[in-house]
Amino acid sequence: SVDYNPRKQVLACGTRGGRMVQWRSSTLSGVPKSESNWQVLPVVSVGECAVDKLTWGPGEGLIHARTERSSVILSEAQLNTAVQAPLMAVQSSPMEIIVYHTERQVHLTVTANYRVKGLGVGP
């Protein structure tokens, strides 16, 4: 299955192996003219069966993937960063943050029980 989101300029394709691959157009306007106009996005695992239908949702951050065994709605997560010397925080997934102390060169991984929507750090 293939679906294109013109607002995001993202082409999504479902594979027989249960994955969704995506490419974002890097042209500012008009139609991409070559392979170099497309940026590969991370591959998403949807399930173990072939993805037979992809449909972009009403919002820009939603896409529906259907297989013969399941139906999955994927939501795009905005990842965050925050810096205030000597601390730096980087959100590595919707529920995980890595806090790094630049002077001591140590880090701590924090896993939340909820979706993180913002970050702030301080000494």
Foldseek 3Di string as FASTA:
>chain_A
DWDADVVQQKIWDWAQQQKIWIWHAQDPDDDDDDPVRIDTDDIGHHDRGTFDDKDADPDNFWIWTDGPVDIDIGGDADWDWEDDPQWIWTAPDQFKIWIAGNVVGDIDIDGHPDGDRYDYDDD
